[in-house]
Amino acid sequence: MIAGLLLAVGCALAGGVAVLLKQRGAVAALVVVPRHPVRSAIGLFRSKWWTVGWLDRDSPPQGAGGVLGSGVQGFPTPARVGWRGF
């Protein structure tokens, strides 16, 4: 139980640090222009801090797979989950 709580606190801290890194990188990057999404994305990824924050927050650890990727406790994930991310 304590290991789970420590893991939860660690994940929350890592998420907070990732948001701060992405903010620092977004401030340093070029202005995001909705009419040029590819150029805006390239500008964000050129910012070292934004890329580090994006990698830290948005990629699961190796072998984790996530709930939507690998199923929960051995149960297969259905082909259409219906989860839209919000």
C-alpha atoms as a PDB file:
ATOM      1  CA  MET A   1       0.000   0.000   0.000  1.00  0.00           C
ATOM      2  CA  ILE A   2       2.786   2.429   0.846  1.00  0.00           C
ATOM      3  CA  ALA A   3       4.582   1.538  -2.386  1.00  0.00           C
ATOM      4  CA  GLY A   4       1.437   2.433  -4.325  1.00  0.00           C
ATOM      5  CA  LEU A   5       1.125   5.761  -2.546  1.00  0.00           C
ATOM      6  CA  LEU A   6       4.784   6.552  -3.236  1.00  0.00           C
ATOM      7  CA  LEU A   7       4.300   5.640  -6.879  1.00  0.00           C
ATOM      8  CA  ALA A   8       1.248   7.905  -7.111  1.00  0.00           C
ATOM      9  CA  VAL A   9       3.123  10.815  -5.523  1.00  0.00           C
ATOM     10  CA  GLY A  10       6.078  10.235  -7.850  1.00  0.00           C
ATOM     11  CA  CYS A  11       3.824  10.204 -10.913  1.00  0.00           C
ATOM     12  CA  ALA A  12       2.100  13.395  -9.776  1.00  0.00           C
ATOM     13  CA  LEU A  13       5.451  15.132  -9.266  1.00  0.00           C
ATOM     14  CA  ALA A  14       6.718  13.959 -12.654  1.00  0.00           C
ATOM     15  CA  GLY A  15       3.558  15.263 -14.298  1.00  0.00           C
ATOM     16  CA  GLY A  16       3.917  18.633 -12.610  1.00  0.00           C
ATOM     17  CA  VAL A  17       7.557  18.938 -13.641  1.00  0.00           C
ATOM     18  CA  ALA A  18       6.620  18.010 -17.215  1.00  0.00           C
ATOM     19  CA  VAL A  19       3.997  20.758 -17.345  1.00  0.00           C
ATOM     20  CA  LEU A  20       6.532  23.299 -16.081  1.00  0.00           C
ATOM     21  CA  LEU A  21       9.092  22.182 -18.675  1.00  0.00           C
ATOM     22  CA  LYS A  22       6.528  22.428 -21.473  1.00  0.00           C
ATOM     23  CA  GLN A  23       5.561  25.920 -20.300  1.00  0.00           C
ATOM     24  CA  ARG A  24       9.198  27.039 -20.263  1.00  0.00           C
ATOM     25  CA  GLY A  25       9.732  25.662 -23.755  1.00  0.00           C
ATOM     26  CA  ALA A  26       6.509  27.136 -25.147  1.00  0.00           C
ATOM     27  CA  VAL A  27       7.487  30.592 -23.926  1.00  0.00           C
ATOM     28  CA  ALA A  28      10.878  30.257 -25.635  1.00  0.00           C
ATOM     29  CA  ALA A  29       9.467  28.852 -28.911  1.00  0.00           C
ATOM     30  CA  LEU A  30       8.094  30.737 -31.885  1.00  0.00           C
ATOM     31  CA  VAL A  31       4.511  31.992 -31.847  1.00  0.00           C
ATOM     32  CA  VAL A  32       1.966  29.262 -32.605  1.00  0.00           C
ATOM     33  CA  VAL A  33      -0.058  30.157 -35.709  1.00  0.00           C
ATOM     34  CA  PRO A  34      -3.263  28.135 -36.243  1.00  0.00           C
ATOM     35  CA  ARG A  35      -3.022  28.579 -40.039  1.00  0.00           C
ATOM     36  CA  HIS A  36       0.383  26.863 -40.053  1.00  0.00           C
ATOM     37  CA  PRO A  37       0.097  23.852 -37.704  1.00  0.00           C
ATOM     38  CA  VAL A  38       3.127  21.976 -39.059  1.00  0.00           C
ATOM     39  CA  ARG A  39       5.381  25.011 -38.767  1.00  0.00           C
ATOM     40  CA  SER A  40       4.066  25.620 -35.236  1.00  0.00           C
ATOM     41  CA  ALA A  41       4.684  21.993 -34.211  1.00  0.00           C
ATOM     42  CA  ILE A  42       8.215  22.092 -35.621  1.00  0.00           C
ATOM     43  CA  GLY A  43       8.857  25.306 -33.687  1.00  0.00           C
ATOM     44  CA  LEU A  44       7.700  23.689 -30.446  1.00  0.00           C
ATOM     45  CA  PHE A  45       9.774  20.540 -30.964  1.00  0.00           C
ATOM     46  CA  ARG A  46      12.865  22.655 -31.688  1.00  0.00           C
ATOM     47  CA  SER A  47      12.550  24.009 -28.167  1.00  0.00           C
ATOM     48  CA  LYS A  48      14.600  21.655 -25.990  1.00  0.00           C
ATOM     49  CA  TRP A  49      12.542  22.225 -22.833  1.00  0.00           C
ATOM     50  CA  TRP A  50       9.187  21.681 -24.521  1.00  0.00           C
ATOM     51  CA  THR A  51      10.386  18.442 -26.114  1.00  0.00           C
ATOM     52  CA  VAL A  52      11.736  17.113 -22.800  1.00  0.00           C
ATOM     53  CA  GLY A  53       8.456  17.982 -21.066  1.00  0.00           C
ATOM     54  CA  TRP A  54       6.454  16.349 -23.864  1.00  0.00           C
ATOM     55  CA  LEU A  55       8.521  13.170 -23.699  1.00  0.00           C
ATOM     56  CA  ASP A  56       8.312  13.047 -19.901  1.00  0.00           C
ATOM     57  CA  ARG A  57       4.577  13.590 -19.658  1.00  0.00           C
ATOM     58  CA  ASP A  58       3.136  12.074 -22.826  1.00  0.00           C
ATOM     59  CA  SER A  59       5.029   8.804 -23.159  1.00  0.00           C
ATOM     60  CA  PRO A  60       4.382   5.849 -20.843  1.00  0.00           C
ATOM     61  CA  PRO A  61       7.333   4.096 -19.221  1.00  0.00           C
ATOM     62  CA  GLN A  62       8.778   1.135 -21.105  1.00  0.00           C
ATOM     63  CA  GLY A  63       6.595  -1.920 -20.705  1.00  0.00           C
ATOM     64  CA  ALA A  64       3.678  -0.046 -19.150  1.00  0.00           C
ATOM     65  CA  GLY A  65       1.515   0.140 -22.254  1.00  0.00           C
ATOM     66  CA  GLY A  66      -1.245   2.025 -20.479  1.00  0.00           C
ATOM     67  CA  VAL A  67      -4.816   0.981 -19.812  1.00  0.00           C
ATOM     68  CA  LEU A  68      -5.941   1.535 -23.388  1.00  0.00           C
ATOM     69  CA  GLY A  69      -2.920  -0.185 -24.912  1.00  0.00           C
ATOM     70  CA  SER A  70      -2.583  -3.508 -23.146  1.00  0.00           C
ATOM     71  CA  GLY A  71      -5.820  -4.214 -21.304  1.00  0.00           C
ATOM     72  CA  VAL A  72      -6.376  -4.354 -17.571  1.00  0.00           C
ATOM     73  CA  GLN A  73      -5.149  -7.345 -15.554  1.00  0.00           C
ATOM     74  CA  GLY A  74      -5.051  -9.705 -18.498  1.00  0.00           C
ATOM     75  CA  PHE A  75      -8.385  -8.758 -20.050  1.00  0.00           C
ATOM     76  CA  PRO A  76      -8.020  -7.776 -23.709  1.00  0.00           C
ATOM     77  CA  THR A  77      -8.824  -4.248 -24.762  1.00  0.00           C
ATOM     78  CA  PRO A  78     -11.747  -4.052 -27.206  1.00  0.00           C
ATOM     79  CA  ALA A  79     -11.011  -2.769 -30.712  1.00  0.00           C
ATOM     80  CA  ARG A  80     -13.153   0.340 -30.213  1.00  0.00           C
ATOM     81  CA  VAL A  81     -12.903   1.796 -26.749  1.00  0.00           C
ATOM     82  CA  GLY A  82     -14.937   4.944 -27.319  1.00  0.00           C
ATOM     83  CA  TRP A  83     -12.643   7.118 -25.214  1.00  0.00           C
ATOM     84  CA  ARG A  84     -11.902  10.443 -26.918  1.00  0.00           C
ATOM     85  CA  GLY A  85      -9.390  11.892 -24.464  1.00  0.00           C
ATOM     86  CA  PHE A  86     -11.693  14.293 -22.661  1.00  0.00           C
END
